Amino acid sequence: WRPASRGNRKADVMMSVEEAIVGRQSTREFQPDKPVPRAVVERILTIAGRAPSGSNIQPWRVWVLQGRTRDRVCADLCALHDAAAPSTREHDYYPRKWRDPYLARRRECGFGLYRLLGLGREDKAGMHAQLGRNYRLFDAPVALIVTMDADMEIGSWLDCGMFVQSIMLAARPFGLETCPQAALANYPDVLRTGMGIPQAQSVVCGIALGYPVPGALVNTYRTTRLPLADFVTWTE
């Protein structure tokens, strides 16, 4: 495996685990006309398939959204978003009742991105349009839709989370970036109809995958992280 060259790095030098994790970001502007080779997608998924799971049950499934199917599915998702159609999501991703500190962190993340893009809190149309870019995959040519059997329990959701993280990290040495998208699970029937996903599969999330647009303003956004003292308790 020879990852893509980055700057003055030699193409045959592996990216370190630290670089892959710390440098990962949610990319929100991809190059739409630069396809991701199938062999690279297969390699990424092969690597990510080594993610751990309880008793090695490997509950995840992946549906690759690309080409004409991608365009049709995205158009249908955008139409629902623009019509303000209520979500038909099958599971709660966020708390049903928000409270601090989580509400404050969510607001910091969302409004920080909007400020960078020059969108004020009163600019509802602008925020709606930016949110709608989720349903166009931020122009990424590929999305990976992750599902699992609907009768699985919470442990399998943890397994799928580790699998999704593995995909995002495995993509980076190839010069690819990602954006994990819970929003793509808002309208699961669109994905089922457009991609042939069985009803017995629960849609976990999507992952936009592609080559980032160099210098894109939105791709400069960085979220903050808590210091260790805020989430680590030591015992002796």
Protein backbone atom coordinates (compact mmCIF):
# COMPACT_ATOMS: atom_id res chain seq x y z
CA TRP A 1 0.00 0.00 0.00
CA ARG A 2 1.55 3.27 -1.11
CA PRO A 3 -0.44 6.27 0.07
CA ALA A 4 -0.70 9.54 -1.83
CA SER A 5 2.08 12.08 -1.51
CA ARG A 6 1.38 15.00 0.82
CA GLY A 7 3.48 18.09 0.26
CA ASN A 8 7.13 17.20 0.46
CA ARG A 9 6.45 13.78 1.97
CA LYS A 10 7.65 10.80 -0.02
CA ALA A 11 4.75 8.84 -1.46
CA ASP A 12 5.94 5.65 0.18
CA VAL A 13 6.03 7.05 3.72
CA MET A 14 3.09 5.91 5.80
CA MET A 15 1.00 8.46 7.66
CA SER A 16 1.30 7.92 11.40
CA VAL A 17 -1.72 7.02 13.49
CA GLU A 18 -1.41 10.36 15.28
CA GLU A 19 -1.37 12.28 12.00
CA ALA A 20 -4.40 10.38 10.71
CA ILE A 21 -6.44 11.04 13.85
CA VAL A 22 -5.41 14.61 14.66
CA GLY A 23 -5.57 15.75 11.03
CA ARG A 24 -9.00 14.25 10.34
CA GLN A 25 -11.80 16.74 9.92
CA SER A 26 -15.33 16.87 8.59
CA THR A 27 -14.68 18.03 5.05
CA ARG A 28 -17.55 20.03 3.57
CA GLU A 29 -16.37 20.83 0.07
CA PHE A 30 -15.15 18.07 -2.24
CA GLN A 31 -14.03 18.01 -5.86
CA PRO A 32 -17.12 16.67 -7.68
CA ASP A 33 -15.33 15.86 -10.92
CA LYS A 34 -12.45 13.90 -9.40
CA PRO A 35 -13.65 10.31 -9.07
CA VAL A 36 -12.47 7.95 -6.36
CA PRO A 37 -11.16 4.74 -7.98
CA ARG A 38 -13.09 1.63 -7.01
CA ALA A 39 -9.85 -0.14 -6.12
CA VAL A 40 -9.10 2.58 -3.55
CA VAL A 41 -12.59 2.32 -2.02
CA GLU A 42 -12.17 -1.44 -1.81
CA ARG A 43 -8.79 -1.04 -0.14
CA ILE A 44 -10.17 1.43 2.41
CA LEU A 45 -13.07 -0.86 3.27
CA THR A 46 -10.75 -3.86 3.52
CA ILE A 47 -8.61 -1.97 6.03
CA ALA A 48 -11.64 -0.70 7.96
CA GLY A 49 -13.03 -4.23 8.04
CA ARG A 50 -10.36 -5.00 10.63
CA ALA A 51 -12.27 -2.82 13.12
CA PRO A 52 -13.11 -4.63 16.36
CA SER A 53 -16.58 -5.91 17.18
CA GLY A 54 -18.03 -7.89 20.05
CA SER A 55 -17.35 -11.62 19.53
CA ASN A 56 -16.19 -10.61 16.01
CA ILE A 57 -19.78 -10.51 14.73
CA GLN A 58 -18.95 -7.62 12.32
CA PRO A 59 -22.55 -6.32 12.15
CA TRP A 60 -21.95 -3.59 9.56
CA ARG A 61 -22.90 -3.49 5.91
CA VAL A 62 -21.85 -0.84 3.38
CA TRP A 63 -23.75 0.44 0.34
CA VAL A 64 -21.64 2.50 -2.07
CA LEU A 65 -23.58 5.45 -3.46
CA GLN A 66 -22.10 6.84 -6.68
CA GLY A 67 -22.82 7.69 -10.31
CA ARG A 68 -26.35 8.18 -11.59
CA THR A 69 -27.82 6.53 -8.50
CA ARG A 70 -26.04 9.10 -6.36
CA ASP A 71 -27.52 11.95 -8.38
CA ARG A 72 -31.07 10.57 -8.15
CA VAL A 73 -30.87 9.87 -4.42
CA CYS A 74 -29.35 13.28 -3.69
CA ALA A 75 -32.07 15.01 -5.71
CA ASP A 76 -34.78 13.19 -3.75
CA LEU A 77 -33.14 13.99 -0.41
CA CYS A 78 -32.74 17.66 -1.34
CA ALA A 79 -36.40 17.87 -2.37
CA LEU A 80 -37.51 16.61 1.04
CA HIS A 81 -35.15 18.99 2.82
CA ASP A 82 -36.35 21.99 0.81
CA ALA A 83 -39.96 21.01 1.52
CA ALA A 84 -39.13 20.89 5.25
CA ALA A 85 -40.39 17.31 5.34
CA PRO A 86 -40.24 15.81 8.84
CA SER A 87 -37.51 13.29 9.45
CA THR A 88 -38.48 9.63 9.38
CA ARG A 89 -35.28 8.58 11.11
CA GLU A 90 -35.55 5.19 12.83
CA HIS A 91 -33.36 5.94 15.81
CA ASP A 92 -32.48 8.99 17.89
CA TYR A 93 -28.98 10.25 17.29
CA TYR A 94 -29.11 13.25 19.62
CA PRO A 95 -30.69 13.61 23.08
CA ARG A 96 -34.45 14.08 23.01
CA LYS A 97 -34.02 16.88 25.53
CA TRP A 98 -30.90 19.02 25.22
CA ARG A 99 -29.03 20.26 28.28
CA ASP A 100 -25.65 21.75 29.02
CA PRO A 101 -22.80 21.15 28.57
CA TYR A 102 -23.90 19.34 25.40
CA LEU A 103 -26.20 22.09 24.16
CA ALA A 104 -23.43 24.68 24.54
CA ARG A 105 -20.97 22.50 22.63
CA ARG A 106 -23.47 21.91 19.85
CA ARG A 107 -24.13 25.62 19.51
CA GLU A 108 -20.42 26.41 19.50
CA CYS A 109 -19.91 23.93 16.67
CA GLY A 110 -22.83 25.03 14.52
CA PHE A 111 -22.64 28.77 14.98
CA GLY A 112 -18.86 28.69 14.63
CA LEU A 113 -19.21 27.17 11.19
CA TYR A 114 -21.92 29.65 10.20
CA ARG A 115 -19.81 32.61 11.36
CA LEU A 116 -16.91 31.40 9.24
CA LEU A 117 -19.23 31.32 6.23
CA GLY A 118 -20.67 34.75 7.00
CA LEU A 119 -24.09 33.42 8.00
CA GLY A 120 -25.73 35.31 10.86
CA ARG A 121 -28.25 33.72 13.19
CA GLU A 122 -31.03 35.61 11.46
CA ASP A 123 -30.05 34.24 8.04
CA LYS A 124 -32.42 31.28 8.10
CA ALA A 125 -32.30 30.82 4.32
CA GLY A 126 -28.51 30.70 4.32
CA MET A 127 -28.40 28.19 7.15
CA HIS A 128 -31.06 26.08 5.45
CA ALA A 129 -29.00 26.06 2.25
CA GLN A 130 -25.82 25.11 4.10
CA LEU A 131 -27.61 22.30 5.91
CA GLY A 132 -28.99 21.16 2.58
CA ARG A 133 -25.46 20.60 1.30
CA ASN A 134 -25.47 17.48 3.48
CA TYR A 135 -27.95 15.98 1.03
CA ARG A 136 -25.67 16.78 -1.89
CA LEU A 137 -22.83 15.05 -0.04
CA PHE A 138 -20.95 18.35 -0.11
CA ASP A 139 -20.32 17.49 -3.78
CA ALA A 140 -18.39 14.33 -2.91
CA PRO A 141 -18.59 11.78 -5.74
CA VAL A 142 -19.07 8.88 -3.34
CA ALA A 143 -20.99 8.20 -0.16
CA LEU A 144 -20.74 5.07 1.94
CA ILE A 145 -24.07 4.23 3.57
CA VAL A 146 -23.53 2.13 6.68
CA THR A 147 -26.35 -0.15 7.82
CA MET A 148 -26.85 -3.12 10.11
CA ASP A 149 -29.61 -5.59 10.86
CA ALA A 150 -32.44 -3.73 12.56
CA ASP A 151 -32.75 -6.27 15.38
CA MET A 152 -29.22 -5.73 16.68
CA GLU A 153 -28.62 -4.16 20.08
CA ILE A 154 -26.57 -1.27 21.42
CA GLY A 155 -23.28 -3.15 21.37
CA SER A 156 -23.51 -3.44 17.60
CA TRP A 157 -24.00 0.33 17.36
CA LEU A 158 -20.70 0.70 19.19
CA ASP A 159 -19.13 -1.75 16.74
CA CYS A 160 -20.42 0.28 13.79
CA GLY A 161 -18.98 3.44 15.34
CA MET A 162 -15.52 1.87 15.45
CA PHE A 163 -15.96 0.71 11.86
CA VAL A 164 -16.96 4.21 10.69
CA GLN A 165 -13.96 5.75 12.43
CA SER A 166 -11.72 3.17 10.80
CA ILE A 167 -13.04 4.12 7.36
CA MET A 168 -12.35 7.79 7.94
CA LEU A 169 -8.81 7.18 9.14
CA ALA A 170 -8.00 4.63 6.44
CA ALA A 171 -9.04 7.12 3.73
CA ARG A 172 -6.54 9.81 4.70
CA PRO A 173 -3.26 8.25 3.51
CA PHE A 174 -4.80 8.00 0.03
CA GLY A 175 -5.26 11.79 -0.08
CA LEU A 176 -8.98 11.39 0.57
CA GLU A 177 -11.10 13.06 3.22
CA THR A 178 -14.52 12.30 4.65
CA CYS A 179 -17.54 13.74 6.36
CA PRO A 180 -19.61 11.47 8.61
CA GLN A 181 -23.25 12.34 7.99
CA ALA A 182 -25.98 11.44 10.44
CA ALA A 183 -28.29 13.61 8.31
CA LEU A 184 -28.40 10.96 5.58
CA ALA A 185 -30.37 8.74 7.97
CA ASN A 186 -33.13 11.36 8.24
CA TYR A 187 -34.97 9.90 5.24
CA PRO A 188 -34.12 6.19 5.21
CA ASP A 189 -36.86 5.26 2.75
CA VAL A 190 -35.20 7.39 0.07
CA LEU A 191 -32.02 5.38 0.53
CA ARG A 192 -33.91 2.10 0.54
CA THR A 193 -35.84 2.89 -2.62
CA GLY A 194 -32.89 4.39 -4.47
CA MET A 195 -30.26 1.84 -3.45
CA GLY A 196 -32.20 -1.35 -2.82
CA ILE A 197 -31.52 -1.43 0.92
CA PRO A 198 -33.86 -3.97 2.56
CA GLN A 199 -36.34 -2.89 5.21
CA ALA A 200 -34.63 -5.24 7.65
CA GLN A 201 -31.52 -3.06 7.51
CA SER A 202 -31.31 -0.05 9.83
CA VAL A 203 -29.52 2.97 8.34
CA VAL A 204 -26.77 4.02 10.75
CA CYS A 205 -25.20 6.95 8.87
CA GLY A 206 -23.52 7.99 5.66
CA ILE A 207 -19.91 8.97 4.98
CA ALA A 208 -19.10 11.42 2.18
CA LEU A 209 -15.82 10.40 0.56
CA GLY A 210 -13.70 12.30 -1.92
CA TYR A 211 -10.82 14.65 -2.62
CA PRO A 212 -11.13 17.98 -0.78
CA VAL A 213 -11.16 21.30 -2.64
CA PRO A 214 -7.77 22.91 -1.91
CA GLY A 215 -8.11 26.22 -0.10
CA ALA A 216 -11.90 26.01 0.36
CA LEU A 217 -12.92 28.30 3.22
CA VAL A 218 -15.34 25.81 4.74
CA ASN A 219 -12.58 23.20 4.93
CA THR A 220 -10.53 25.44 7.21
CA TYR A 221 -13.07 25.09 10.01
CA ARG A 222 -11.76 23.31 13.10
CA THR A 223 -13.79 22.35 16.13
CA THR A 224 -12.38 22.57 19.64
CA ARG A 225 -11.63 19.61 21.88
CA LEU A 226 -11.88 19.28 25.63
CA PRO A 227 -8.70 19.25 27.75
CA LEU A 228 -7.97 15.95 29.46
CA ALA A 229 -8.93 17.36 32.84
CA ASP A 230 -12.51 17.72 31.61
CA PHE A 231 -13.06 14.08 30.73
CA VAL A 232 -10.37 11.96 32.42
CA THR A 233 -10.47 10.68 36.01
CA TRP A 234 -7.32 9.07 37.38
CA THR A 235 -7.25 6.43 40.12
CA GLU A 236 -4.33 5.18 42.20
